[in-house]
Amino acid sequence: MDAVWTLGRPASAREIHQRIAKGRRIELITAVTVLNRLVTPKKLLRREKIDDLLHYSPTLSRDEFMQRSSRHVVERVLALGSEAVAASMVDVLAERNPDLLAELGRLVRRRIRDDAREK
């Protein structure tokens, strides 16, 4: 995904492979396989023909992808038990990043206020 975002335009599998291959050894066929899986079933990329060659482009911006991924992680973590996870999150934030804990508190208060207004 990073290679596709960095290119910033629809790009062929070969172009994307060349970008990825700068940082790691990967075969072109492997890159094509991964790109196609990101099209179907994941729907993170779209594929279109340009000049008889398939080009790939992202369906989400980097920020949208990070937001969606973060939400997915939180949903999976909360499935372990909401109260224990919430308490652990507060404890870890208090230890590692008190400013972020304060921001979380502000977001929680705003959400509670907004939900009360909707009712």
N, C-alpha and C. Protein backbone atom coordinates (compact mmCIF):
# COMPACT_ATOMS: atom_id res chain seq x y z
N MET A 1 0.84 -1.19 0.00
CA MET A 1 0.00 0.00 0.00
C MET A 1 0.88 1.25 0.00
N ASP A 2 1.96 1.19 0.77
CA ASP A 2 2.83 2.36 0.85
C ASP A 2 3.39 2.72 -0.52
N ALA A 3 3.77 1.73 -1.29
CA ALA A 3 4.31 1.99 -2.63
C ALA A 3 3.28 2.66 -3.52
N VAL A 4 2.04 2.21 -3.43
CA VAL A 4 0.97 2.78 -4.26
C VAL A 4 0.69 4.22 -3.83
N TRP A 5 0.63 4.46 -2.52
CA TRP A 5 0.40 5.84 -2.04
C TRP A 5 1.55 6.75 -2.44
N THR A 6 2.78 6.24 -2.33
CA THR A 6 3.95 7.06 -2.65
C THR A 6 3.96 7.46 -4.12
N LEU A 7 3.59 6.55 -5.00
CA LEU A 7 3.55 6.88 -6.42
C LEU A 7 2.52 7.98 -6.71
N GLY A 8 1.41 7.94 -5.99
CA GLY A 8 0.43 9.03 -6.09
C GLY A 8 -0.37 9.09 -7.38
N ARG A 9 -0.36 8.02 -8.13
CA ARG A 9 -1.11 7.95 -9.40
C ARG A 9 -1.32 6.48 -9.73
N PRO A 10 -2.27 6.18 -10.63
CA PRO A 10 -2.41 4.78 -11.04
C PRO A 10 -1.07 4.29 -11.61
N ALA A 11 -0.67 3.11 -11.19
CA ALA A 11 0.63 2.58 -11.60
C ALA A 11 0.51 1.11 -11.98
N SER A 12 1.37 0.70 -12.89
CA SER A 12 1.38 -0.70 -13.31
C SER A 12 2.02 -1.55 -12.22
N ALA A 13 1.77 -2.84 -12.30
CA ALA A 13 2.36 -3.78 -11.34
C ALA A 13 3.89 -3.70 -11.39
N ARG A 14 4.44 -3.54 -12.55
CA ARG A 14 5.90 -3.45 -12.69
C ARG A 14 6.44 -2.21 -11.98
N GLU A 15 5.76 -1.07 -12.13
CA GLU A 15 6.19 0.15 -11.43
C GLU A 15 6.13 -0.02 -9.92
N ILE A 16 5.06 -0.62 -9.46
CA ILE A 16 4.89 -0.84 -8.02
C ILE A 16 5.94 -1.82 -7.53
N HIS A 17 6.17 -2.88 -8.31
CA HIS A 17 7.20 -3.86 -7.95
C HIS A 17 8.57 -3.18 -7.84
N GLN A 18 8.91 -2.34 -8.79
CA GLN A 18 10.20 -1.65 -8.75
C GLN A 18 10.33 -0.79 -7.50
N ARG A 19 9.25 -0.16 -7.10
CA ARG A 19 9.28 0.66 -5.89
C ARG A 19 9.50 -0.22 -4.65
N ILE A 20 8.79 -1.34 -4.59
CA ILE A 20 8.92 -2.24 -3.44
C ILE A 20 10.31 -2.89 -3.41
N ALA A 21 10.82 -3.27 -4.59
CA ALA A 21 12.09 -3.98 -4.69
C ALA A 21 13.28 -3.14 -4.25
N LYS A 22 13.10 -1.83 -4.14
CA LYS A 22 14.19 -0.98 -3.64
C LYS A 22 14.51 -1.31 -2.19
N GLY A 23 13.50 -1.75 -1.44
CA GLY A 23 13.68 -2.01 -0.02
C GLY A 23 13.74 -3.47 0.38
N ARG A 24 13.33 -4.36 -0.52
CA ARG A 24 13.33 -5.80 -0.18
C ARG A 24 13.32 -6.64 -1.44
N ARG A 25 13.76 -7.86 -1.27
CA ARG A 25 13.77 -8.79 -2.40
C ARG A 25 12.37 -9.37 -2.54
N ILE A 26 11.79 -9.17 -3.69
CA ILE A 26 10.46 -9.71 -3.96
C ILE A 26 10.34 -9.93 -5.47
N GLU A 27 9.78 -11.05 -5.83
CA GLU A 27 9.58 -11.37 -7.24
C GLU A 27 8.37 -10.60 -7.78
N LEU A 28 8.40 -10.29 -9.06
CA LEU A 28 7.29 -9.57 -9.69
C LEU A 28 5.99 -10.34 -9.53
N ILE A 29 6.02 -11.65 -9.72
CA ILE A 29 4.79 -12.45 -9.63
C ILE A 29 4.19 -12.37 -8.22
N THR A 30 5.04 -12.30 -7.21
CA THR A 30 4.56 -12.17 -5.84
C THR A 30 3.87 -10.82 -5.65
N ALA A 31 4.48 -9.77 -6.17
CA ALA A 31 3.89 -8.44 -6.08
C ALA A 31 2.53 -8.41 -6.78
N VAL A 32 2.44 -9.02 -7.96
CA VAL A 32 1.18 -9.06 -8.71
C VAL A 32 0.12 -9.81 -7.92
N THR A 33 0.50 -10.92 -7.32
CA THR A 33 -0.44 -11.71 -6.51
C THR A 33 -0.99 -10.87 -5.36
N VAL A 34 -0.10 -10.18 -4.66
CA VAL A 34 -0.54 -9.35 -3.53
C VAL A 34 -1.42 -8.20 -4.03
N LEU A 35 -1.04 -7.56 -5.11
CA LEU A 35 -1.85 -6.46 -5.66
C LEU A 35 -3.25 -6.96 -6.00
N ASN A 36 -3.34 -8.12 -6.63
CA ASN A 36 -4.65 -8.65 -6.99
C ASN A 36 -5.48 -9.01 -5.77
N ARG A 37 -4.84 -9.47 -4.70
CA ARG A 37 -5.58 -9.75 -3.46
C ARG A 37 -6.04 -8.46 -2.79
N LEU A 38 -5.29 -7.40 -2.99
CA LEU A 38 -5.72 -6.11 -2.44
C LEU A 38 -6.89 -5.51 -3.24
N VAL A 39 -7.05 -6.00 -4.48
CA VAL A 39 -8.22 -5.61 -5.29
C VAL A 39 -9.41 -6.46 -4.87
N THR A 40 -9.23 -7.78 -4.94
CA THR A 40 -10.28 -8.74 -4.58
C THR A 40 -9.67 -9.76 -3.65
N PRO A 41 -10.12 -9.97 -2.52
CA PRO A 41 -11.39 -9.57 -1.91
C PRO A 41 -11.30 -8.31 -1.04
N LYS A 42 -10.10 -7.78 -0.81
CA LYS A 42 -9.94 -6.73 0.20
C LYS A 42 -10.48 -5.36 -0.22
N LYS A 43 -10.52 -5.09 -1.52
CA LYS A 43 -11.05 -3.83 -2.05
C LYS A 43 -10.26 -2.60 -1.55
N LEU A 44 -8.96 -2.79 -1.32
CA LEU A 44 -8.11 -1.68 -0.92
C LEU A 44 -7.49 -0.99 -2.13
N LEU A 45 -7.46 -1.71 -3.25
CA LEU A 45 -6.99 -1.15 -4.52
C LEU A 45 -8.05 -1.32 -5.57
N ARG A 46 -8.01 -0.46 -6.58
CA ARG A 46 -8.84 -0.66 -7.78
C ARG A 46 -7.88 -0.92 -8.93
N ARG A 47 -8.38 -1.64 -9.92
CA ARG A 47 -7.57 -2.01 -11.07
C ARG A 47 -8.29 -1.51 -12.31
N GLU A 48 -7.54 -0.82 -13.19
CA GLU A 48 -8.14 -0.34 -14.44
C GLU A 48 -7.12 -0.48 -15.57
N LYS A 49 -7.64 -0.69 -16.75
CA LYS A 49 -6.76 -0.81 -17.91
C LYS A 49 -6.46 0.58 -18.47
N ILE A 50 -5.19 0.86 -18.64
CA ILE A 50 -4.74 2.09 -19.27
C ILE A 50 -3.71 1.67 -20.32
N ASP A 51 -3.99 2.01 -21.57
CA ASP A 51 -3.09 1.61 -22.66
C ASP A 51 -2.79 0.11 -22.65
N ASP A 52 -3.84 -0.68 -22.54
CA ASP A 52 -3.73 -2.16 -22.55
C ASP A 52 -2.91 -2.74 -21.41
N LEU A 53 -2.70 -1.98 -20.35
CA LEU A 53 -1.93 -2.45 -19.21
C LEU A 53 -2.72 -2.16 -17.94
N LEU A 54 -2.78 -3.15 -17.04
CA LEU A 54 -3.50 -2.94 -15.79
C LEU A 54 -2.73 -1.98 -14.88
N HIS A 55 -3.44 -1.02 -14.33
CA HIS A 55 -2.87 -0.06 -13.39
C HIS A 55 -3.66 -0.14 -12.08
N TYR A 56 -2.97 0.03 -10.99
CA TYR A 56 -3.55 -0.07 -9.65
C TYR A 56 -3.52 1.29 -8.97
N SER A 57 -4.58 1.57 -8.22
CA SER A 57 -4.64 2.81 -7.43
C SER A 57 -5.41 2.52 -6.14
N PRO A 58 -5.13 3.26 -5.09
CA PRO A 58 -5.78 2.99 -3.80
C PRO A 58 -7.24 3.44 -3.79
N THR A 59 -8.04 2.73 -3.04
CA THR A 59 -9.43 3.13 -2.84
C THR A 59 -9.58 4.03 -1.62
N LEU A 60 -8.55 4.04 -0.77
CA LEU A 60 -8.55 4.84 0.45
C LEU A 60 -7.25 5.63 0.54
N SER A 61 -7.33 6.81 1.13
CA SER A 61 -6.10 7.55 1.42
C SER A 61 -5.37 6.84 2.55
N ARG A 62 -4.13 7.22 2.77
CA ARG A 62 -3.36 6.63 3.87
C ARG A 62 -4.07 6.86 5.21
N ASP A 63 -4.58 8.09 5.42
CA ASP A 63 -5.27 8.41 6.67
C ASP A 63 -6.55 7.58 6.83
N GLU A 64 -7.33 7.45 5.75
CA GLU A 64 -8.55 6.64 5.82
C GLU A 64 -8.22 5.18 6.13
N PHE A 65 -7.16 4.68 5.51
CA PHE A 65 -6.74 3.31 5.77
C PHE A 65 -6.32 3.12 7.22
N MET A 66 -5.53 4.05 7.76
CA MET A 66 -5.08 3.97 9.14
C MET A 66 -6.27 4.03 10.10
N GLN A 67 -7.22 4.90 9.80
CA GLN A 67 -8.40 5.02 10.66
C GLN A 67 -9.20 3.71 10.64
N ARG A 68 -9.40 3.14 9.47
CA ARG A 68 -10.15 1.89 9.35
C ARG A 68 -9.41 0.75 10.04
N SER A 69 -8.10 0.69 9.83
CA SER A 69 -7.30 -0.37 10.45
C SER A 69 -7.29 -0.25 11.96
N SER A 70 -7.15 0.98 12.46
CA SER A 70 -7.16 1.20 13.90
C SER A 70 -8.48 0.78 14.51
N ARG A 71 -9.56 1.12 13.85
CA ARG A 71 -10.88 0.73 14.35
C ARG A 71 -11.02 -0.79 14.40
N HIS A 72 -10.53 -1.45 13.36
CA HIS A 72 -10.60 -2.91 13.30
C HIS A 72 -9.82 -3.53 14.47
N VAL A 73 -8.64 -3.00 14.74
CA VAL A 73 -7.83 -3.51 15.85
C VAL A 73 -8.56 -3.30 17.17
N VAL A 74 -9.11 -2.11 17.37
CA VAL A 74 -9.83 -1.82 18.62
C VAL A 74 -11.03 -2.74 18.79
N GLU A 75 -11.77 -2.97 17.71
CA GLU A 75 -12.93 -3.87 17.79
C GLU A 75 -12.50 -5.28 18.19
N ARG A 76 -11.39 -5.76 17.65
CA ARG A 76 -10.90 -7.10 17.99
C ARG A 76 -10.41 -7.16 19.44
N VAL A 77 -9.75 -6.09 19.88
CA VAL A 77 -9.27 -6.06 21.26
C VAL A 77 -10.45 -6.01 22.22
N LEU A 78 -11.46 -5.20 21.92
CA LEU A 78 -12.63 -5.09 22.80
C LEU A 78 -13.40 -6.40 22.90
N ALA A 79 -13.27 -7.22 21.90
CA ALA A 79 -13.93 -8.53 21.94
C ALA A 79 -13.37 -9.40 23.07
N LEU A 80 -12.20 -9.04 23.57
CA LEU A 80 -11.59 -9.78 24.69
C LEU A 80 -12.28 -9.49 26.01
N GLY A 81 -12.97 -8.36 26.09
CA GLY A 81 -13.64 -7.95 27.32
C GLY A 81 -13.49 -6.46 27.50
N SER A 82 -14.53 -5.73 27.29
CA SER A 82 -14.49 -4.27 27.24
C SER A 82 -13.93 -3.62 28.50
N GLU A 83 -14.39 -4.04 29.67
CA GLU A 83 -13.97 -3.37 30.91
C GLU A 83 -12.48 -3.56 31.17
N ALA A 84 -11.99 -4.77 31.03
CA ALA A 84 -10.57 -5.04 31.27
C ALA A 84 -9.69 -4.29 30.28
N VAL A 85 -10.12 -4.26 29.02
CA VAL A 85 -9.35 -3.58 27.98
C VAL A 85 -9.34 -2.08 28.24
N ALA A 86 -10.49 -1.50 28.57
CA ALA A 86 -10.55 -0.07 28.84
C ALA A 86 -9.65 0.30 30.01
N ALA A 87 -9.70 -0.48 31.08
CA ALA A 87 -8.86 -0.20 32.25
C ALA A 87 -7.39 -0.32 31.88
N SER A 88 -7.03 -1.32 31.11
CA SER A 88 -5.64 -1.50 30.69
C SER A 88 -5.18 -0.34 29.81
N MET A 89 -6.04 0.10 28.90
CA MET A 89 -5.69 1.20 28.02
C MET A 89 -5.42 2.47 28.84
N VAL A 90 -6.28 2.76 29.80
CA VAL A 90 -6.10 3.94 30.65
C VAL A 90 -4.79 3.83 31.41
N ASP A 91 -4.49 2.66 31.97
CA ASP A 91 -3.25 2.47 32.73
C ASP A 91 -2.02 2.67 31.84
N VAL A 92 -2.03 2.07 30.67
CA VAL A 92 -0.88 2.19 29.77
C VAL A 92 -0.69 3.63 29.31
N LEU A 93 -1.79 4.29 28.95
CA LEU A 93 -1.66 5.69 28.53
C LEU A 93 -1.17 6.57 29.67
N ALA A 94 -1.63 6.31 30.88
CA ALA A 94 -1.18 7.10 32.03
C ALA A 94 0.33 6.95 32.22
N GLU A 95 0.85 5.75 32.01
CA GLU A 95 2.28 5.49 32.16
C GLU A 95 3.10 6.05 31.00
N ARG A 96 2.62 5.86 29.79
CA ARG A 96 3.43 6.17 28.60
C ARG A 96 3.18 7.53 27.98
N ASN A 97 1.92 7.99 28.05
CA ASN A 97 1.60 9.23 27.33
C ASN A 97 0.43 9.94 28.01
N PRO A 98 0.69 10.63 29.11
CA PRO A 98 -0.40 11.30 29.83
C PRO A 98 -1.15 12.33 28.96
N ASP A 99 -0.45 12.96 28.03
CA ASP A 99 -1.12 13.92 27.15
C ASP A 99 -2.17 13.22 26.28
N LEU A 100 -1.83 12.04 25.80
CA LEU A 100 -2.79 11.28 24.98
C LEU A 100 -3.95 10.79 25.83
N LEU A 101 -3.68 10.46 27.09
CA LEU A 101 -4.75 10.07 28.01
C LEU A 101 -5.72 11.24 28.20
N ALA A 102 -5.18 12.44 28.36
CA ALA A 102 -6.02 13.64 28.50
C ALA A 102 -6.85 13.86 27.23
N GLU A 103 -6.23 13.65 26.07
CA GLU A 103 -6.96 13.80 24.80
C GLU A 103 -8.07 12.76 24.69
N LEU A 104 -7.79 11.53 25.11
CA LEU A 104 -8.81 10.48 25.11
C LEU A 104 -9.97 10.88 26.02
N GLY A 105 -9.66 11.42 27.18
CA GLY A 105 -10.71 11.88 28.09
C GLY A 105 -11.57 12.96 27.45
N ARG A 106 -10.92 13.89 26.75
CA ARG A 106 -11.66 14.95 26.06
C ARG A 106 -12.57 14.36 24.99
N LEU A 107 -12.07 13.40 24.22
CA LEU A 107 -12.87 12.77 23.17
C LEU A 107 -14.06 12.00 23.75
N VAL A 108 -13.83 11.33 24.87
CA VAL A 108 -14.91 10.57 25.52
C VAL A 108 -15.99 11.53 26.00
N ARG A 109 -15.59 12.62 26.66
CA ARG A 109 -16.58 13.59 27.15
C ARG A 109 -17.37 14.20 25.99
N ARG A 110 -16.70 14.52 24.89
CA ARG A 110 -17.39 15.08 23.72
C ARG A 110 -18.38 14.08 23.16
N ARG A 111 -17.99 12.82 23.06
CA ARG A 111 -18.89 11.80 22.51
C ARG A 111 -20.11 11.61 23.40
N ILE A 112 -19.92 11.60 24.71
CA ILE A 112 -21.04 11.46 25.64
C ILE A 112 -21.98 12.65 25.50
N ARG A 113 -21.42 13.84 25.39
CA ARG A 113 -22.23 15.06 25.22
C ARG A 113 -23.01 15.02 23.91
N ASP A 114 -22.34 14.61 22.82
CA ASP A 114 -23.00 14.53 21.51
C ASP A 114 -24.12 13.49 21.51
N ASP A 115 -23.87 12.34 22.13
CA ASP A 115 -24.89 11.30 22.20
C ASP A 115 -26.10 11.76 23.01
N ALA A 116 -25.86 12.51 24.09
CA ALA A 116 -26.97 13.02 24.92
C ALA A 116 -27.81 14.01 24.12
N ARG A 117 -27.19 14.81 23.28
CA ARG A 117 -27.92 15.78 22.46
C ARG A 117 -28.81 15.10 21.43
N GLU A 118 -28.35 13.97 20.91
CA GLU A 118 -29.11 13.24 19.90
C GLU A 118 -30.35 12.58 20.44
N LYS A 119 -30.40 12.37 21.74
CA LYS A 119 -31.54 11.67 22.35
C LYS A 119 -32.67 12.59 22.64
